[in-house]
C-alpha atoms as a PDB file:
ATOM      1  CA  MET A   1       7.660  38.681  21.793  1.00  0.00           C
ATOM      2  CA  ILE A   2       5.970  37.574  18.587  1.00  0.00           C
ATOM      3  CA  SER A   3       7.896  35.072  16.509  1.00  0.00           C
ATOM      4  CA  SER A   4       8.720  35.797  12.876  1.00  0.00           C
ATOM      5  CA  MET A   5       8.400  32.094  12.024  1.00  0.00           C
ATOM      6  CA  PRO A   6       5.621  31.132   9.627  1.00  0.00           C
ATOM      7  CA  LYS A   7       2.378  30.161  11.314  1.00  0.00           C
ATOM      8  CA  ILE A   8       1.108  26.600  11.272  1.00  0.00           C
ATOM      9  CA  TYR A   9      -2.265  27.793  10.069  1.00  0.00           C
ATOM     10  CA  THR A  10      -2.375  29.154   6.551  1.00  0.00           C
ATOM     11  CA  LYS A  11      -6.162  29.472   6.170  1.00  0.00           C
ATOM     12  CA  THR A  12      -5.804  28.125   2.614  1.00  0.00           C
ATOM     13  CA  GLY A  13      -7.848  25.057   3.578  1.00  0.00           C
ATOM     14  CA  ASP A  14     -10.770  26.988   5.022  1.00  0.00           C
ATOM     15  CA  THR A  15     -12.857  26.421   1.887  1.00  0.00           C
ATOM     16  CA  GLY A  16     -12.418  22.629   1.939  1.00  0.00           C
ATOM     17  CA  GLU A  17      -9.451  22.413  -0.387  1.00  0.00           C
ATOM     18  CA  THR A  18      -5.791  21.607   0.142  1.00  0.00           C
ATOM     19  CA  SER A  19      -2.641  21.359  -1.934  1.00  0.00           C
ATOM     20  CA  LEU A  20      -0.945  18.230  -3.165  1.00  0.00           C
ATOM     21  CA  TYR A  21       2.818  18.083  -3.564  1.00  0.00           C
ATOM     22  CA  GLY A  22       3.607  20.509  -6.371  1.00  0.00           C
ATOM     23  CA  GLY A  23       0.773  22.896  -5.523  1.00  0.00           C
ATOM     24  CA  GLN A  24      -2.258  21.354  -7.271  1.00  0.00           C
ATOM     25  CA  ARG A  25      -5.413  22.215  -5.303  1.00  0.00           C
ATOM     26  CA  VAL A  26      -7.934  19.459  -4.615  1.00  0.00           C
ATOM     27  CA  ALA A  27     -10.989  18.978  -2.420  1.00  0.00           C
ATOM     28  CA  LYS A  28     -10.259  17.550   1.017  1.00  0.00           C
ATOM     29  CA  GLY A  29     -12.697  14.734   0.184  1.00  0.00           C
ATOM     30  CA  ASN A  30     -10.539  13.665  -2.768  1.00  0.00           C
ATOM     31  CA  PRO A  31      -9.715   9.916  -2.747  1.00  0.00           C
ATOM     32  CA  ARG A  32      -5.997  10.771  -2.846  1.00  0.00           C
ATOM     33  CA  LEU A  33      -6.307  12.640   0.468  1.00  0.00           C
ATOM     34  CA  GLU A  34      -8.322   9.810   1.989  1.00  0.00           C
ATOM     35  CA  ALA A  35      -5.551   7.407   0.967  1.00  0.00           C
ATOM     36  CA  TYR A  36      -2.573   9.314   2.297  1.00  0.00           C
ATOM     37  CA  GLY A  37      -4.513  10.536   5.324  1.00  0.00           C
ATOM     38  CA  THR A  38      -5.227   6.961   6.335  1.00  0.00           C
ATOM     39  CA  VAL A  39      -1.578   6.061   5.773  1.00  0.00           C
ATOM     40  CA  ASP A  40      -0.735   8.934   8.145  1.00  0.00           C
ATOM     41  CA  GLU A  41      -3.255   7.580  10.646  1.00  0.00           C
ATOM     42  CA  THR A  42      -1.517   4.184  10.465  1.00  0.00           C
ATOM     43  CA  ASN A  43       1.806   5.905  11.126  1.00  0.00           C
ATOM     44  CA  THR A  44       0.348   7.690  14.138  1.00  0.00           C
ATOM     45  CA  ALA A  45      -0.976   4.417  15.553  1.00  0.00           C
ATOM     46  CA  LEU A  46       2.523   2.989  15.175  1.00  0.00           C
ATOM     47  CA  GLY A  47       3.841   6.013  17.079  1.00  0.00           C
ATOM     48  CA  LEU A  48       1.503   5.104  19.922  1.00  0.00           C
ATOM     49  CA  ALA A  49       2.801   1.516  19.896  1.00  0.00           C
ATOM     50  CA  LEU A  50       6.354   2.870  19.837  1.00  0.00           C
ATOM     51  CA  ALA A  51       5.654   5.068  22.860  1.00  0.00           C
ATOM     52  CA  GLN A  52       4.405   1.987  24.710  1.00  0.00           C
ATOM     53  CA  THR A  53       7.626   0.085  24.057  1.00  0.00           C
ATOM     54  CA  GLY A  54       9.598   2.476  26.233  1.00  0.00           C
ATOM     55  CA  GLY A  55      12.088   2.780  23.372  1.00  0.00           C
ATOM     56  CA  GLU A  56      13.225  -0.800  23.809  1.00  0.00           C
ATOM     57  CA  ASN A  57      11.340  -3.718  22.360  1.00  0.00           C
ATOM     58  CA  TYR A  58      10.289  -3.435  18.727  1.00  0.00           C
ATOM     59  CA  ALA A  59      11.420   0.183  18.459  1.00  0.00           C
ATOM     60  CA  GLU A  60      13.732  -0.444  15.498  1.00  0.00           C
ATOM     61  CA  GLN A  61      11.075  -2.341  13.547  1.00  0.00           C
ATOM     62  CA  ILE A  62       8.396   0.256  14.233  1.00  0.00           C
ATOM     63  CA  LYS A  63      10.649   3.180  13.268  1.00  0.00           C
ATOM     64  CA  LYS A  64      11.475   1.488   9.938  1.00  0.00           C
ATOM     65  CA  LEU A  65       7.767   1.057   9.272  1.00  0.00           C
ATOM     66  CA  GLN A  66       7.146   4.709  10.117  1.00  0.00           C
ATOM     67  CA  ILE A  67       9.807   5.774   7.621  1.00  0.00           C
ATOM     68  CA  ASP A  68       8.220   3.503   5.011  1.00  0.00           C
ATOM     69  CA  LEU A  69       4.821   5.039   5.672  1.00  0.00           C
ATOM     70  CA  MET A  70       6.211   8.563   5.294  1.00  0.00           C
ATOM     71  CA  ILE A  71       7.501   7.491   1.875  1.00  0.00           C
ATOM     72  CA  VAL A  72       4.163   5.914   0.925  1.00  0.00           C
ATOM     73  CA  GLY A  73       2.267   8.986   2.117  1.00  0.00           C
ATOM     74  CA  SER A  74       4.576  11.301   0.178  1.00  0.00           C
ATOM     75  CA  GLU A  75       4.101   9.264  -2.969  1.00  0.00           C
ATOM     76  CA  LEU A  76       0.333   9.290  -2.550  1.00  0.00           C
ATOM     77  CA  ALA A  77       0.350  13.069  -1.942  1.00  0.00           C
ATOM     78  CA  THR A  78       2.018  13.554  -5.313  1.00  0.00           C
ATOM     79  CA  PRO A  79      -0.227  13.911  -8.379  1.00  0.00           C
ATOM     80  CA  THR A  80      -0.005  11.226 -11.042  1.00  0.00           C
ATOM     81  CA  GLY A  81       2.878  11.877 -13.388  1.00  0.00           C
ATOM     82  CA  GLN A  82       4.944  13.870 -10.897  1.00  0.00           C
ATOM     83  CA  THR A  83       7.756  12.678  -8.653  1.00  0.00           C
ATOM     84  CA  ILE A  84       9.542  13.937  -5.575  1.00  0.00           C
ATOM     85  CA  ALA A  85      13.240  14.317  -6.313  1.00  0.00           C
ATOM     86  CA  GLY A  86      15.400  12.122  -4.093  1.00  0.00           C
ATOM     87  CA  LEU A  87      12.508  10.105  -2.627  1.00  0.00           C
ATOM     88  CA  ASP A  88      13.366   6.391  -2.515  1.00  0.00           C
ATOM     89  CA  LEU A  89      10.079   4.703  -3.295  1.00  0.00           C
ATOM     90  CA  ILE A  90       8.951   1.461  -1.696  1.00  0.00           C
ATOM     91  CA  SER A  91      10.474  -1.366  -3.719  1.00  0.00           C
ATOM     92  CA  ASP A  92       9.814  -5.062  -4.182  1.00  0.00           C
ATOM     93  CA  GLU A  93      13.018  -5.599  -2.190  1.00  0.00           C
ATOM     94  CA  ARG A  94      11.573  -3.742   0.807  1.00  0.00           C
ATOM     95  CA  ILE A  95       8.415  -5.816   0.579  1.00  0.00           C
ATOM     96  CA  GLY A  96      10.622  -8.929   0.533  1.00  0.00           C
ATOM     97  CA  GLU A  97      12.318  -7.720   3.737  1.00  0.00           C
ATOM     98  CA  LEU A  98       8.929  -7.558   5.445  1.00  0.00           C
ATOM     99  CA  GLU A  99       8.181 -11.100   4.293  1.00  0.00           C
ATOM    100  CA  LYS A 100      11.487 -12.377   5.697  1.00  0.00           C
ATOM    101  CA  ASP A 101      10.848 -10.617   9.014  1.00  0.00           C
ATOM    102  CA  ILE A 102       7.366 -12.146   9.169  1.00  0.00           C
ATOM    103  CA  ASP A 103       8.836 -15.603   8.626  1.00  0.00           C
ATOM    104  CA  VAL A 104      11.416 -15.096  11.396  1.00  0.00           C
ATOM    105  CA  MET A 105       8.808 -13.913  13.895  1.00  0.00           C
ATOM    106  CA  GLU A 106       6.324 -16.638  12.980  1.00  0.00           C
ATOM    107  CA  ALA A 107       8.981 -19.290  13.574  1.00  0.00           C
ATOM    108  CA  GLU A 108       9.108 -18.133  17.207  1.00  0.00           C
ATOM    109  CA  LEU A 109       5.337 -18.330  17.722  1.00  0.00           C
ATOM    110  CA  PRO A 110       2.907 -21.185  18.225  1.00  0.00           C
ATOM    111  CA  ALA A 111       0.986 -22.111  15.096  1.00  0.00           C
ATOM    112  CA  LEU A 112      -2.250 -20.205  14.732  1.00  0.00           C
ATOM    113  CA  THR A 113      -5.168 -22.642  14.473  1.00  0.00           C
ATOM    114  CA  ASN A 114      -8.051 -20.343  15.504  1.00  0.00           C
ATOM    115  CA  PHE A 115      -8.994 -16.721  15.217  1.00  0.00           C
ATOM    116  CA  ILE A 116      -7.725 -14.597  18.088  1.00  0.00           C
ATOM    117  CA  LEU A 117      -9.218 -11.520  19.678  1.00  0.00           C
ATOM    118  CA  PRO A 118      -7.111  -8.382  19.210  1.00  0.00           C
ATOM    119  CA  GLY A 119      -5.582  -7.268  22.485  1.00  0.00           C
ATOM    120  CA  GLY A 120      -2.980  -8.511  24.895  1.00  0.00           C
ATOM    121  CA  ASN A 121      -0.469  -6.104  26.403  1.00  0.00           C
ATOM    122  CA  GLN A 122      -0.332  -2.402  25.494  1.00  0.00           C
ATOM    123  CA  VAL A 123       2.178  -2.890  22.667  1.00  0.00           C
ATOM    124  CA  GLY A 124       0.325  -5.843  21.179  1.00  0.00           C
ATOM    125  CA  ALA A 125      -3.048  -4.118  21.377  1.00  0.00           C
ATOM    126  CA  ASN A 126      -1.671  -0.954  19.765  1.00  0.00           C
ATOM    127  CA  LEU A 127      -0.058  -2.994  16.980  1.00  0.00           C
ATOM    128  CA  HIS A 128      -3.392  -4.739  16.348  1.00  0.00           C
ATOM    129  CA  HIS A 129      -4.992  -1.295  16.161  1.00  0.00           C
ATOM    130  CA  ALA A 130      -2.350  -0.104  13.681  1.00  0.00           C
ATOM    131  CA  ARG A 131      -2.993  -3.266  11.649  1.00  0.00           C
ATOM    132  CA  THR A 132      -6.679  -2.480  11.265  1.00  0.00           C
ATOM    133  CA  ILE A 133      -5.904   1.077  10.187  1.00  0.00           C
ATOM    134  CA  SER A 134      -3.357  -0.201   7.654  1.00  0.00           C
ATOM    135  CA  ARG A 135      -6.089  -2.420   6.177  1.00  0.00           C
ATOM    136  CA  ARG A 136      -8.310   0.652   5.835  1.00  0.00           C
ATOM    137  CA  ALA A 137      -5.410   2.514   4.207  1.00  0.00           C
ATOM    138  CA  GLU A 138      -5.010  -0.341   1.742  1.00  0.00           C
ATOM    139  CA  ARG A 139      -8.714  -0.168   0.853  1.00  0.00           C
ATOM    140  CA  ALA A 140      -8.463   3.598   0.356  1.00  0.00           C
ATOM    141  CA  VAL A 141      -5.442   3.185  -1.934  1.00  0.00           C
ATOM    142  CA  VAL A 142      -7.238   0.483  -3.935  1.00  0.00           C
ATOM    143  CA  ARG A 143     -10.181   2.874  -4.402  1.00  0.00           C
ATOM    144  CA  LEU A 144      -7.751   5.582  -5.508  1.00  0.00           C
ATOM    145  CA  ALA A 145      -6.196   3.150  -7.988  1.00  0.00           C
ATOM    146  CA  GLU A 146      -9.612   2.720  -9.628  1.00  0.00           C
ATOM    147  CA  SER A 147      -9.399   6.280 -10.946  1.00  0.00           C
ATOM    148  CA  GLU A 148      -5.704   7.231 -10.826  1.00  0.00           C
ATOM    149  CA  LEU A 149      -2.406   5.525 -11.420  1.00  0.00           C
ATOM    150  CA  VAL A 150      -0.935   4.004  -8.237  1.00  0.00           C
ATOM    151  CA  ARG A 151       2.253   1.962  -8.312  1.00  0.00           C
ATOM    152  CA  PRO A 152       1.457  -1.676  -7.550  1.00  0.00           C
ATOM    153  CA  GLN A 153       4.220  -1.748  -4.919  1.00  0.00           C
ATOM    154  CA  VAL A 154       2.227   0.708  -2.783  1.00  0.00           C
ATOM    155  CA  ILE A 155      -0.783  -1.602  -2.599  1.00  0.00           C
ATOM    156  CA  LYS A 156       1.417  -4.664  -2.141  1.00  0.00           C
ATOM    157  CA  TYR A 157       3.371  -2.955   0.655  1.00  0.00           C
ATOM    158  CA  LEU A 158       0.215  -1.987   2.553  1.00  0.00           C
ATOM    159  CA  ASN A 159      -1.125  -5.512   2.201  1.00  0.00           C
ATOM    160  CA  ARG A 160       2.109  -6.998   3.537  1.00  0.00           C
ATOM    161  CA  LEU A 161       2.289  -4.351   6.262  1.00  0.00           C
ATOM    162  CA  SER A 162      -0.977  -5.512   7.785  1.00  0.00           C
ATOM    163  CA  ASP A 163       0.326  -9.098   7.797  1.00  0.00           C
ATOM    164  CA  TYR A 164       3.547  -7.873   9.416  1.00  0.00           C
ATOM    165  CA  LEU A 165       1.666  -5.936  12.082  1.00  0.00           C
ATOM    166  CA  PHE A 166      -0.512  -8.935  12.882  1.00  0.00           C
ATOM    167  CA  VAL A 167       2.540 -11.121  13.445  1.00  0.00           C
ATOM    168  CA  LEU A 168       4.385  -8.349  15.306  1.00  0.00           C
ATOM    169  CA  ALA A 169       1.382  -7.943  17.632  1.00  0.00           C
ATOM    170  CA  ARG A 170       1.349 -11.686  18.282  1.00  0.00           C
ATOM    171  CA  HIS A 171       5.097 -11.599  18.888  1.00  0.00           C
ATOM    172  CA  ALA A 172       4.804  -8.689  21.332  1.00  0.00           C
ATOM    173  CA  ASN A 173       2.056 -10.496  23.200  1.00  0.00           C
ATOM    174  CA  ALA A 174       4.186 -13.632  23.399  1.00  0.00           C
ATOM    175  CA  LYS A 175       7.441 -11.947  24.413  1.00  0.00           C
ATOM    176  CA  LEU A 176       6.497  -8.928  26.538  1.00  0.00           C
ATOM    177  CA  PRO A 177       4.955  -8.911  30.031  1.00  0.00           C
ATOM    178  CA  GLY A 178       1.187  -8.886  30.232  1.00  0.00           C
ATOM    179  CA  GLY A 179       0.665 -10.310  26.784  1.00  0.00           C
ATOM    180  CA  SER A 180      -1.518 -13.206  25.873  1.00  0.00           C
ATOM    181  CA  GLU A 181      -3.667 -14.361  23.017  1.00  0.00           C
ATOM    182  CA  GLN A 182      -7.290 -15.077  23.596  1.00  0.00           C
ATOM    183  CA  VAL A 183      -8.764 -17.540  21.128  1.00  0.00           C
ATOM    184  CA  TRP A 184     -12.099 -16.496  19.730  1.00  0.00           C
ATOM    185  CA  ALA A 185     -14.654 -19.140  20.581  1.00  0.00           C
ATOM    186  CA  GLY A 186     -17.841 -17.331  19.682  1.00  0.00           C
ATOM    187  CA  ARG A 187     -20.363 -16.644  22.409  1.00  0.00           C
ATOM    188  CA  LYS A 188     -19.149 -19.607  24.462  1.00  0.00           C
ATOM    189  CA  GLN A 189     -16.414 -17.502  26.083  1.00  0.00           C
END
């Protein structure tokens, strides 16, 4: 039996264009798509870290970040001057919450006096991976902001997110089995 549900493929992107929220067509190489696509990639990396937690440790924090990233991606997929009705945008208050959470986690960790190699247990390594993607997302959004209006809170959030993910990765490596931090000592290792 053939379903009457709409198909996932629309073929409207076959010529290298896609639609932004509201219907405006743009090239798939547009800086706006690079920005929200990399935000989506960050969200996917967080999903991988979440799957590694077994639904226990860090699940609540990661899910909140995923919701935030859906909001950021939606905002970035919306042309300048338009809004999505009912979408609660990332606020300075939300950024402040991340900062408070960072402070709480850092208080439970040894002081960082050297660079560390990304890795550790599966959760920590995946959080480090998500952190590097969030940095790339931030760079893409900054490039977008050179030509289009981007709310400063979006850039600030992505910057703070990478800090948060770094500390969360360290925390996971300190608190979960199989985690450790390896200090980078150059080629002497």
